[in-house]
PDB file of all heavy atoms in Angstrom:
ATOM      1  N   VAL A   1       0.836  -1.205  -0.002  1.00  0.00           N
ATOM      2  CA  VAL A   1       0.000   0.000   0.001  1.00  0.00           C
ATOM      3  C   VAL A   1       0.872   1.256   0.000  1.00  0.00           C
ATOM      4  O   VAL A   1       0.631   2.211  -0.752  1.00  0.00           O
ATOM      5  CB  VAL A   1      -0.948  -0.007   1.209  1.00  0.00           C
ATOM      6  CG1 VAL A   1      -1.695   1.324   1.318  1.00  0.00           C
ATOM      7  CG2 VAL A   1      -1.955  -1.142   1.089  1.00  0.00           C
ATOM      8  N   VAL A   2       1.908   1.270   0.832  1.00  0.00           N
ATOM      9  CA  VAL A   2       2.799   2.427   0.932  1.00  0.00           C
ATOM     10  C   VAL A   2       3.531   2.650  -0.393  1.00  0.00           C
ATOM     11  O   VAL A   2       3.687   3.794  -0.853  1.00  0.00           O
ATOM     12  CB  VAL A   2       3.803   2.203   2.092  1.00  0.00           C
ATOM     13  CG1 VAL A   2       4.981   3.158   1.973  1.00  0.00           C
ATOM     14  CG2 VAL A   2       3.101   2.384   3.435  1.00  0.00           C
ATOM     15  N   LEU A   3       3.984   1.581  -1.017  1.00  0.00           N
ATOM     16  CA  LEU A   3       4.693   1.718  -2.292  1.00  0.00           C
ATOM     17  C   LEU A   3       3.788   2.254  -3.389  1.00  0.00           C
ATOM     18  O   LEU A   3       4.224   3.063  -4.228  1.00  0.00           O
ATOM     19  CB  LEU A   3       5.291   0.379  -2.710  1.00  0.00           C
ATOM     20  CG  LEU A   3       6.480  -0.117  -1.872  1.00  0.00           C
ATOM     21  CD1 LEU A   3       6.924  -1.493  -2.340  1.00  0.00           C
ATOM     22  CD2 LEU A   3       7.646   0.872  -1.927  1.00  0.00           C
ATOM     23  N   VAL A   4       2.532   1.814  -3.410  1.00  0.00           N
ATOM     24  CA  VAL A   4       1.589   2.329  -4.419  1.00  0.00           C
ATOM     25  C   VAL A   4       1.355   3.826  -4.207  1.00  0.00           C
ATOM     26  O   VAL A   4       1.370   4.615  -5.164  1.00  0.00           O
ATOM     27  CB  VAL A   4       0.256   1.557  -4.357  1.00  0.00           C
ATOM     28  CG1 VAL A   4      -0.810   2.253  -5.192  1.00  0.00           C
ATOM     29  CG2 VAL A   4       0.452   0.125  -4.861  1.00  0.00           C
ATOM     30  N   LEU A   5       1.150   4.229  -2.963  1.00  0.00           N
ATOM     31  CA  LEU A   5       0.940   5.652  -2.665  1.00  0.00           C
ATOM     32  C   LEU A   5       2.190   6.461  -3.036  1.00  0.00           C
ATOM     33  O   LEU A   5       2.091   7.548  -3.629  1.00  0.00           O
ATOM     34  CB  LEU A   5       0.611   5.840  -1.187  1.00  0.00           C
ATOM     35  CG  LEU A   5      -0.730   5.264  -0.722  1.00  0.00           C
ATOM     36  CD1 LEU A   5      -0.846   5.370   0.802  1.00  0.00           C
ATOM     37  CD2 LEU A   5      -1.900   5.999  -1.376  1.00  0.00           C
ATOM     38  N   GLY A   6       3.357   5.927  -2.716  1.00  0.00           N
ATOM     39  CA  GLY A   6       4.607   6.630  -3.019  1.00  0.00           C
ATOM     40  C   GLY A   6       4.849   6.734  -4.521  1.00  0.00           C
ATOM     41  O   GLY A   6       5.313   7.770  -5.020  1.00  0.00           O
ATOM     42  N   ALA A   7       4.548   5.663  -5.252  1.00  0.00           N
ATOM     43  CA  ALA A   7       4.733   5.684  -6.707  1.00  0.00           C
ATOM     44  C   ALA A   7       3.854   6.758  -7.341  1.00  0.00           C
ATOM     45  O   ALA A   7       4.271   7.434  -8.301  1.00  0.00           O
ATOM     46  CB  ALA A   7       4.418   4.316  -7.295  1.00  0.00           C
ATOM     47  N   SER A   8       2.657   6.950  -6.801  1.00  0.00           N
ATOM     48  CA  SER A   8       1.781   8.004  -7.307  1.00  0.00           C
ATOM     49  C   SER A   8       2.410   9.378  -7.099  1.00  0.00           C
ATOM     50  O   SER A   8       2.330  10.252  -7.973  1.00  0.00           O
ATOM     51  CB  SER A   8       0.415   7.934  -6.606  1.00  0.00           C
ATOM     52  OG  SER A   8      -0.195   6.693  -6.820  1.00  0.00           O
ATOM     53  N   ALA A   9       3.041   9.566  -5.932  1.00  0.00           N
ATOM     54  CA  ALA A   9       3.687  10.848  -5.650  1.00  0.00           C
ATOM     55  C   ALA A   9       4.884  11.085  -6.575  1.00  0.00           C
ATOM     56  O   ALA A   9       5.089  12.191  -7.075  1.00  0.00           O
ATOM     57  CB  ALA A   9       4.135  10.890  -4.184  1.00  0.00           C
ATOM     58  N   VAL A  10       5.675  10.040  -6.801  1.00  0.00           N
ATOM     59  CA  VAL A  10       6.837  10.174  -7.696  1.00  0.00           C
ATOM     60  C   VAL A  10       6.374  10.516  -9.106  1.00  0.00           C
ATOM     61  O   VAL A  10       6.932  11.398  -9.776  1.00  0.00           O
ATOM     62  CB  VAL A  10       7.656   8.863  -7.708  1.00  0.00           C
ATOM     63  CG1 VAL A  10       8.764   8.934  -8.765  1.00  0.00           C
ATOM     64  CG2 VAL A  10       8.263   8.608  -6.333  1.00  0.00           C
ATOM     65  N   LEU A  11       5.341   9.846  -9.573  1.00  0.00           N
ATOM     66  CA  LEU A  11       4.805  10.117 -10.909  1.00  0.00           C
ATOM     67  C   LEU A  11       4.303  11.563 -11.007  1.00  0.00           C
ATOM     68  O   LEU A  11       4.528  12.252 -12.004  1.00  0.00           O
ATOM     69  CB  LEU A  11       3.666   9.145 -11.227  1.00  0.00           C
ATOM     70  CG  LEU A  11       3.020   9.283 -12.611  1.00  0.00           C
ATOM     71  CD1 LEU A  11       4.047   9.053 -13.714  1.00  0.00           C
ATOM     72  CD2 LEU A  11       1.844   8.323 -12.750  1.00  0.00           C
ATOM     73  N   GLY A  12       3.653  12.029  -9.945  1.00  0.00           N
ATOM     74  CA  GLY A  12       3.158  13.393  -9.934  1.00  0.00           C
ATOM     75  C   GLY A  12       4.277  14.411 -10.049  1.00  0.00           C
ATOM     76  O   GLY A  12       4.151  15.412 -10.757  1.00  0.00           O
ATOM     77  N   THR A  13       5.391  14.178  -9.365  1.00  0.00           N
ATOM     78  CA  THR A  13       6.511  15.123  -9.435  1.00  0.00           C
ATOM     79  C   THR A  13       7.181  15.097 -10.812  1.00  0.00           C
ATOM     80  O   THR A  13       7.722  16.117 -11.253  1.00  0.00           O
ATOM     81  CB  THR A  13       7.570  14.804  -8.353  1.00  0.00           C
ATOM     82  OG1 THR A  13       8.028  13.453  -8.523  1.00  0.00           O
ATOM     83  CG2 THR A  13       6.988  14.972  -6.959  1.00  0.00           C
ATOM     84  N   LEU A  14       7.145  13.958 -11.481  1.00  0.00           N
ATOM     85  CA  LEU A  14       7.715  13.872 -12.833  1.00  0.00           C
ATOM     86  C   LEU A  14       6.841  14.588 -13.850  1.00  0.00           C
ATOM     87  O   LEU A  14       7.342  15.266 -14.764  1.00  0.00           O
ATOM     88  CB  LEU A  14       7.892  12.403 -13.239  1.00  0.00           C
ATOM     89  CG  LEU A  14       9.044  11.647 -12.575  1.00  0.00           C
ATOM     90  CD1 LEU A  14       8.946  10.159 -12.867  1.00  0.00           C
ATOM     91  CD2 LEU A  14      10.390  12.196 -13.046  1.00  0.00           C
ATOM     92  N   VAL A  15       5.529  14.436 -13.707  1.00  0.00           N
ATOM     93  CA  VAL A  15       4.598  15.043 -14.661  1.00  0.00           C
ATOM     94  C   VAL A  15       4.432  16.540 -14.410  1.00  0.00           C
ATOM     95  O   VAL A  15       4.321  17.338 -15.371  1.00  0.00           O
ATOM     96  CB  VAL A  15       3.220  14.342 -14.571  1.00  0.00           C
ATOM     97  CG1 VAL A  15       2.190  15.039 -15.457  1.00  0.00           C
ATOM     98  CG2 VAL A  15       3.359  12.880 -14.988  1.00  0.00           C
ATOM     99  N   LEU A  16       4.445  16.936 -13.141  1.00  0.00           N
ATOM    100  CA  LEU A  16       4.197  18.338 -12.789  1.00  0.00           C
ATOM    101  C   LEU A  16       5.336  18.870 -11.901  1.00  0.00           C
ATOM    102  O   LEU A  16       5.126  19.133 -10.708  1.00  0.00           O
ATOM    103  CB  LEU A  16       2.847  18.472 -12.076  1.00  0.00           C
ATOM    104  CG  LEU A  16       1.611  18.050 -12.875  1.00  0.00           C
ATOM    105  CD1 LEU A  16       0.387  17.997 -11.949  1.00  0.00           C
ATOM    106  CD2 LEU A  16       1.368  19.023 -14.022  1.00  0.00           C
ATOM    107  N   PRO A  17       6.541  19.018 -12.443  1.00  0.00           N
ATOM    108  CA  PRO A  17       7.656  19.498 -11.601  1.00  0.00           C
ATOM    109  C   PRO A  17       7.441  20.906 -11.069  1.00  0.00           C
ATOM    110  O   PRO A  17       7.871  21.236  -9.964  1.00  0.00           O
ATOM    111  CB  PRO A  17       8.851  19.452 -12.569  1.00  0.00           C
ATOM    112  CG  PRO A  17       8.258  19.492 -13.938  1.00  0.00           C
ATOM    113  CD  PRO A  17       6.946  18.775 -13.826  1.00  0.00           C
ATOM    114  N   GLY A  18       6.737  21.747 -11.846  1.00  0.00           N
ATOM    115  CA  GLY A  18       6.464  23.105 -11.374  1.00  0.00           C
ATOM    116  C   GLY A  18       5.581  23.114 -10.154  1.00  0.00           C
ATOM    117  O   GLY A  18       5.781  23.908  -9.221  1.00  0.00           O
ATOM    118  N   LEU A  19       4.589  22.211 -10.155  1.00  0.00           N
ATOM    119  CA  LEU A  19       3.699  22.109  -8.992  1.00  0.00           C
ATOM    120  C   LEU A  19       4.469  21.640  -7.768  1.00  0.00           C
ATOM    121  O   LEU A  19       4.238  22.126  -6.652  1.00  0.00           O
ATOM    122  CB  LEU A  19       2.548  21.159  -9.303  1.00  0.00           C
ATOM    123  CG  LEU A  19       1.511  20.964  -8.194  1.00  0.00           C
ATOM    124  CD1 LEU A  19       0.825  22.287  -7.867  1.00  0.00           C
ATOM    125  CD2 LEU A  19       0.470  19.917  -8.602  1.00  0.00           C
ATOM    126  N   ALA A  20       5.394  20.699  -7.970  1.00  0.00           N
ATOM    127  CA  ALA A  20       6.215  20.217  -6.862  1.00  0.00           C
ATOM    128  C   ALA A  20       7.057  21.342  -6.285  1.00  0.00           C
ATOM    129  O   ALA A  20       7.220  21.471  -5.073  1.00  0.00           O
ATOM    130  CB  ALA A  20       7.101  19.070  -7.331  1.00  0.00           C
ATOM    131  N   GLU A  21       7.565  22.194  -7.156  1.00  0.00           N
ATOM    132  CA  GLU A  21       8.377  23.338  -6.712  1.00  0.00           C
ATOM    133  C   GLU A  21       7.526  24.316  -5.912  1.00  0.00           C
ATOM    134  O   GLU A  21       7.960  24.828  -4.872  1.00  0.00           O
ATOM    135  CB  GLU A  21       8.970  24.025  -7.936  1.00  0.00           C
ATOM    136  CG  GLU A  21      10.070  25.016  -7.619  1.00  0.00           C
ATOM    137  CD  GLU A  21      10.734  25.498  -8.900  1.00  0.00           C
ATOM    138  OE1 GLU A  21      11.577  24.767  -9.444  1.00  0.00           O
ATOM    139  OE2 GLU A  21      10.405  26.621  -9.341  1.00  0.00           O
ATOM    140  N   SER A  22       6.307  24.571  -6.380  1.00  0.00           N
ATOM    141  CA  SER A  22       5.397  25.454  -5.652  1.00  0.00           C
ATOM    142  C   SER A  22       5.012  24.834  -4.313  1.00  0.00           C
ATOM    143  O   SER A  22       4.860  25.536  -3.306  1.00  0.00           O
ATOM    144  CB  SER A  22       4.139  25.703  -6.479  1.00  0.00           C
ATOM    145  OG  SER A  22       4.454  26.345  -7.695  1.00  0.00           O
ATOM    146  N   PHE A  23       4.860  23.508  -4.291  1.00  0.00           N
ATOM    147  CA  PHE A  23       4.530  22.794  -3.075  1.00  0.00           C
ATOM    148  C   PHE A  23       5.586  23.021  -1.996  1.00  0.00           C
ATOM    149  O   PHE A  23       5.270  23.180  -0.814  1.00  0.00           O
ATOM    150  CB  PHE A  23       4.414  21.293  -3.390  1.00  0.00           C
ATOM    151  CG  PHE A  23       4.146  20.407  -2.204  1.00  0.00           C
ATOM    152  CD1 PHE A  23       2.862  20.187  -1.750  1.00  0.00           C
ATOM    153  CD2 PHE A  23       5.189  19.774  -1.542  1.00  0.00           C
ATOM    154  CE1 PHE A  23       2.614  19.368  -0.663  1.00  0.00           C
ATOM    155  CE2 PHE A  23       4.964  18.959  -0.456  1.00  0.00           C
ATOM    156  CZ  PHE A  23       3.662  18.753  -0.019  1.00  0.00           C
ATOM    157  N   VAL A  24       6.836  23.084  -2.425  1.00  0.00           N
ATOM    158  CA  VAL A  24       7.939  23.252  -1.482  1.00  0.00           C
ATOM    159  C   VAL A  24       8.012  24.670  -0.955  1.00  0.00           C
ATOM    160  O   VAL A  24       8.202  24.884   0.243  1.00  0.00           O
ATOM    161  CB  VAL A  24       9.274  22.856  -2.143  1.00  0.00           C
ATOM    162  CG1 VAL A  24      10.451  23.289  -1.284  1.00  0.00           C
ATOM    163  CG2 VAL A  24       9.311  21.361  -2.392  1.00  0.00           C
ATOM    164  N   GLY A  25       7.885  25.654  -1.828  1.00  0.00           N
ATOM    165  CA  GLY A  25       8.035  27.016  -1.314  1.00  0.00           C
ATOM    166  C   GLY A  25       8.030  28.115  -2.338  1.00  0.00           C
ATOM    167  O   GLY A  25       8.247  29.267  -1.991  1.00  0.00           O
ATOM    168  N   GLY A  26       7.832  27.785  -3.613  1.00  0.00           N
ATOM    169  CA  GLY A  26       7.694  28.834  -4.607  1.00  0.00           C
ATOM    170  C   GLY A  26       8.979  29.197  -5.337  1.00  0.00           C
ATOM    171  O   GLY A  26       9.930  28.405  -5.424  1.00  0.00           O
ATOM    172  N   SER A  27       9.035  30.423  -5.827  1.00  0.00           N
ATOM    173  CA  SER A  27      10.082  30.859  -6.752  1.00  0.00           C
ATOM    174  C   SER A  27      11.474  30.861  -6.141  1.00  0.00           C
ATOM    175  O   SER A  27      12.468  30.753  -6.858  1.00  0.00           O
ATOM    176  CB  SER A  27       9.744  32.255  -7.281  1.00  0.00           C
ATOM    177  OG  SER A  27       9.642  33.186  -6.218  1.00  0.00           O
ATOM    178  N   GLU A  28      11.568  31.002  -4.835  1.00  0.00           N
ATOM    179  CA  GLU A  28      12.899  31.036  -4.210  1.00  0.00           C
ATOM    180  C   GLU A  28      13.567  29.659  -4.235  1.00  0.00           C
ATOM    181  O   GLU A  28      14.760  29.552  -3.969  1.00  0.00           O
ATOM    182  CB  GLU A  28      12.795  31.526  -2.768  1.00  0.00           C
ATOM    183  CG  GLU A  28      12.439  33.016  -2.662  1.00  0.00           C
ATOM    184  CD  GLU A  28      12.655  33.535  -1.264  1.00  0.00           C
ATOM    185  OE1 GLU A  28      13.808  33.844  -0.909  1.00  0.00           O
ATOM    186  OE2 GLU A  28      11.662  33.616  -0.513  1.00  0.00           O
ATOM    187  N   TYR A  29      12.802  28.624  -4.566  1.00  0.00           N
ATOM    188  CA  TYR A  29      13.338  27.261  -4.642  1.00  0.00           C
ATOM    189  C   TYR A  29      13.403  26.803  -6.108  1.00  0.00           C
ATOM    190  O   TYR A  29      13.230  25.635  -6.400  1.00  0.00           O
ATOM    191  CB  TYR A  29      12.492  26.317  -3.801  1.00  0.00           C
ATOM    192  CG  TYR A  29      12.513  26.679  -2.324  1.00  0.00           C
ATOM    193  CD1 TYR A  29      11.687  27.673  -1.818  1.00  0.00           C
ATOM    194  CD2 TYR A  29      13.412  26.058  -1.449  1.00  0.00           C
ATOM    195  CE1 TYR A  29      11.719  28.033  -0.488  1.00  0.00           C
ATOM    196  CE2 TYR A  29      13.437  26.396  -0.106  1.00  0.00           C
ATOM    197  CZ  TYR A  29      12.605  27.389   0.367  1.00  0.00           C
ATOM    198  OH  TYR A  29      12.654  27.742   1.692  1.00  0.00           O
ATOM    199  N   VAL A  30      13.658  27.764  -7.000  1.00  0.00           N
ATOM    200  CA  VAL A  30      13.674  27.485  -8.431  1.00  0.00           C
ATOM    201  C   VAL A  30      14.734  26.418  -8.753  1.00  0.00           C
ATOM    202  O   VAL A  30      15.832  26.411  -8.188  1.00  0.00           O
ATOM    203  CB  VAL A  30      13.948  28.788  -9.233  1.00  0.00           C
ATOM    204  CG1 VAL A  30      15.322  29.356  -8.897  1.00  0.00           C
ATOM    205  CG2 VAL A  30      13.821  28.545 -10.725  1.00  0.00           C
ATOM    206  N   GLY A  31      14.404  25.516  -9.655  1.00  0.00           N
ATOM    207  CA  GLY A  31      15.320  24.439 -10.046  1.00  0.00           C
ATOM    208  C   GLY A  31      15.067  23.154  -9.295  1.00  0.00           C
ATOM    209  O   GLY A  31      15.454  22.073  -9.757  1.00  0.00           O
ATOM    210  N   LEU A  32      14.396  23.246  -8.133  1.00  0.00           N
ATOM    211  CA  LEU A  32      14.159  22.041  -7.339  1.00  0.00           C
ATOM    212  C   LEU A  32      13.132  21.125  -7.991  1.00  0.00           C
ATOM    213  O   LEU A  32      13.178  19.899  -7.832  1.00  0.00           O
ATOM    214  CB  LEU A  32      13.692  22.427  -5.931  1.00  0.00           C
ATOM    215  CG  LEU A  32      13.415  21.280  -4.958  1.00  0.00           C
ATOM    216  CD1 LEU A  32      14.665  20.426  -4.746  1.00  0.00           C
ATOM    217  CD2 LEU A  32      12.914  21.818  -3.623  1.00  0.00           C
ATOM    218  N   GLY A  33      12.209  21.717  -8.782  1.00  0.00           N
ATOM    219  CA  GLY A  33      11.132  20.945  -9.362  1.00  0.00           C
ATOM    220  C   GLY A  33      11.624  19.769 -10.205  1.00  0.00           C
ATOM    221  O   GLY A  33      11.037  18.682 -10.178  1.00  0.00           O
ATOM    222  N   HIS A  34      12.701  19.973 -10.983  1.00  0.00           N
ATOM    223  CA  HIS A  34      13.200  18.905 -11.843  1.00  0.00           C
ATOM    224  C   HIS A  34      13.902  17.794 -11.062  1.00  0.00           C
ATOM    225  O   HIS A  34      14.170  16.719 -11.620  1.00  0.00           O
ATOM    226  CB  HIS A  34      14.148  19.492 -12.889  1.00  0.00           C
ATOM    227  CG  HIS A  34      13.477  20.436 -13.828  1.00  0.00           C
ATOM    228  ND1 HIS A  34      12.532  20.037 -14.739  1.00  0.00           N
ATOM    229  CD2 HIS A  34      13.568  21.788 -13.958  1.00  0.00           C
ATOM    230  CE1 HIS A  34      12.090  21.092 -15.423  1.00  0.00           C
ATOM    231  NE2 HIS A  34      12.704  22.172 -14.962  1.00  0.00           N
ATOM    232  N   GLU A  35      14.214  18.056  -9.809  1.00  0.00           N
ATOM    233  CA  GLU A  35      14.839  17.039  -8.960  1.00  0.00           C
ATOM    234  C   GLU A  35      13.879  16.520  -7.890  1.00  0.00           C
ATOM    235  O   GLU A  35      14.256  15.700  -7.050  1.00  0.00           O
ATOM    236  CB  GLU A  35      16.094  17.615  -8.309  1.00  0.00           C
ATOM    237  CG  GLU A  35      17.146  18.061  -9.321  1.00  0.00           C
ATOM    238  CD  GLU A  35      18.291  18.820  -8.674  1.00  0.00           C
ATOM    239  OE1 GLU A  35      18.088  19.365  -7.561  1.00  0.00           O
ATOM    240  OE2 GLU A  35      19.372  18.888  -9.269  1.00  0.00           O
ATOM    241  N   ALA A  36      12.633  17.010  -7.943  1.00  0.00           N
ATOM    242  CA  ALA A  36      11.670  16.650  -6.897  1.00  0.00           C
ATOM    243  C   ALA A  36      11.403  15.155  -6.851  1.00  0.00           C
ATOM    244  O   ALA A  36      11.174  14.581  -5.779  1.00  0.00           O
ATOM    245  CB  ALA A  36      10.356  17.420  -7.132  1.00  0.00           C
ATOM    246  N   TRP A  37      11.438  14.481  -8.012  1.00  0.00           N
ATOM    247  CA  TRP A  37      11.142  13.047  -8.040  1.00  0.00           C
ATOM    248  C   TRP A  37      12.167  12.255  -7.231  1.00  0.00           C
ATOM    249  O   TRP A  37      11.827  11.203  -6.673  1.00  0.00           O
ATOM    250  CB  TRP A  37      11.108  12.535  -9.478  1.00  0.00           C
ATOM    251  CG  TRP A  37      12.445  12.526 -10.166  1.00  0.00           C
ATOM    252  CD1 TRP A  37      13.027  13.546 -10.863  1.00  0.00           C
ATOM    253  CD2 TRP A  37      13.363  11.436 -10.204  1.00  0.00           C
ATOM    254  NE1 TRP A  37      14.260  13.171 -11.338  1.00  0.00           N
ATOM    255  CE2 TRP A  37      14.492  11.880 -10.941  1.00  0.00           C
ATOM    256  CE3 TRP A  37      13.355  10.144  -9.692  1.00  0.00           C
ATOM    257  CZ2 TRP A  37      15.579  11.058 -11.173  1.00  0.00           C
ATOM    258  CZ3 TRP A  37      14.459   9.327  -9.927  1.00  0.00           C
ATOM    259  CH2 TRP A  37      15.548   9.787 -10.657  1.00  0.00           C
ATOM    260  N   VAL A  38      13.389  12.766  -7.127  1.00  0.00           N
ATOM    261  CA  VAL A  38      14.418  12.087  -6.329  1.00  0.00           C
ATOM    262  C   VAL A  38      14.030  12.109  -4.854  1.00  0.00           C
ATOM    263  O   VAL A  38      14.116  11.091  -4.151  1.00  0.00           O
ATOM    264  CB  VAL A  38      15.800  12.728  -6.541  1.00  0.00           C
ATOM    265  CG1 VAL A  38      16.860  11.988  -5.724  1.00  0.00           C
ATOM    266  CG2 VAL A  38      16.182  12.733  -8.012  1.00  0.00           C
ATOM    267  N   PHE A  39      13.572  13.261  -4.397  1.00  0.00           N
ATOM    268  CA  PHE A  39      13.161  13.386  -2.996  1.00  0.00           C
ATOM    269  C   PHE A  39      11.894  12.572  -2.719  1.00  0.00           C
ATOM    270  O   PHE A  39      11.766  11.962  -1.644  1.00  0.00           O
ATOM    271  CB  PHE A  39      12.949  14.852  -2.639  1.00  0.00           C
ATOM    272  CG  PHE A  39      14.221  15.643  -2.561  1.00  0.00           C
ATOM    273  CD1 PHE A  39      14.656  16.404  -3.632  1.00  0.00           C
ATOM    274  CD2 PHE A  39      15.005  15.616  -1.415  1.00  0.00           C
ATOM    275  CE1 PHE A  39      15.838  17.123  -3.576  1.00  0.00           C
ATOM    276  CE2 PHE A  39      16.185  16.343  -1.333  1.00  0.00           C
ATOM    277  CZ  PHE A  39      16.602  17.090  -2.423  1.00  0.00           C
ATOM    278  N   ALA A  40      10.964  12.555  -3.670  1.00  0.00           N
ATOM    279  CA  ALA A  40       9.754  11.742  -3.490  1.00  0.00           C
ATOM    280  C   ALA A  40      10.097  10.256  -3.449  1.00  0.00           C
ATOM    281  O   ALA A  40       9.527   9.487  -2.666  1.00  0.00           O
ATOM    282  CB  ALA A  40       8.762  12.022  -4.621  1.00  0.00           C
ATOM    283  N   SER A  41      11.052   9.839  -4.279  1.00  0.00           N
ATOM    284  CA  SER A  41      11.502   8.444  -4.265  1.00  0.00           C
ATOM    285  C   SER A  41      12.162   8.096  -2.938  1.00  0.00           C
ATOM    286  O   SER A  41      11.922   7.030  -2.365  1.00  0.00           O
ATOM    287  CB  SER A  41      12.476   8.193  -5.422  1.00  0.00           C
ATOM    288  OG  SER A  41      11.876   8.440  -6.665  1.00  0.00           O
ATOM    289  N   GLU A  42      12.984   9.022  -2.441  1.00  0.00           N
ATOM    290  CA  GLU A  42      13.642   8.809  -1.153  1.00  0.00           C
ATOM    291  C   GLU A  42      12.612   8.633  -0.043  1.00  0.00           C
ATOM    292  O   GLU A  42      12.697   7.713   0.776  1.00  0.00           O
ATOM    293  CB  GLU A  42      14.561   9.994  -0.828  1.00  0.00           C
ATOM    294  CG  GLU A  42      15.312   9.864   0.487  1.00  0.00           C
ATOM    295  CD  GLU A  42      16.068  11.120   0.852  1.00  0.00           C
ATOM    296  OE1 GLU A  42      15.621  12.229   0.487  1.00  0.00           O
ATOM    297  OE2 GLU A  42      17.104  11.000   1.526  1.00  0.00           O
TER     298      GLU A  42
END
């Protein structure tokens, strides 16, 4: 169950990296969106 939920989060960060960046804190965290899937996988 945990892996299925986590896989959904990883997929979401890959499809919507900008949203992941906004989720973290906005424009001051620019560039993090493209690496967000690594943190979601972790």
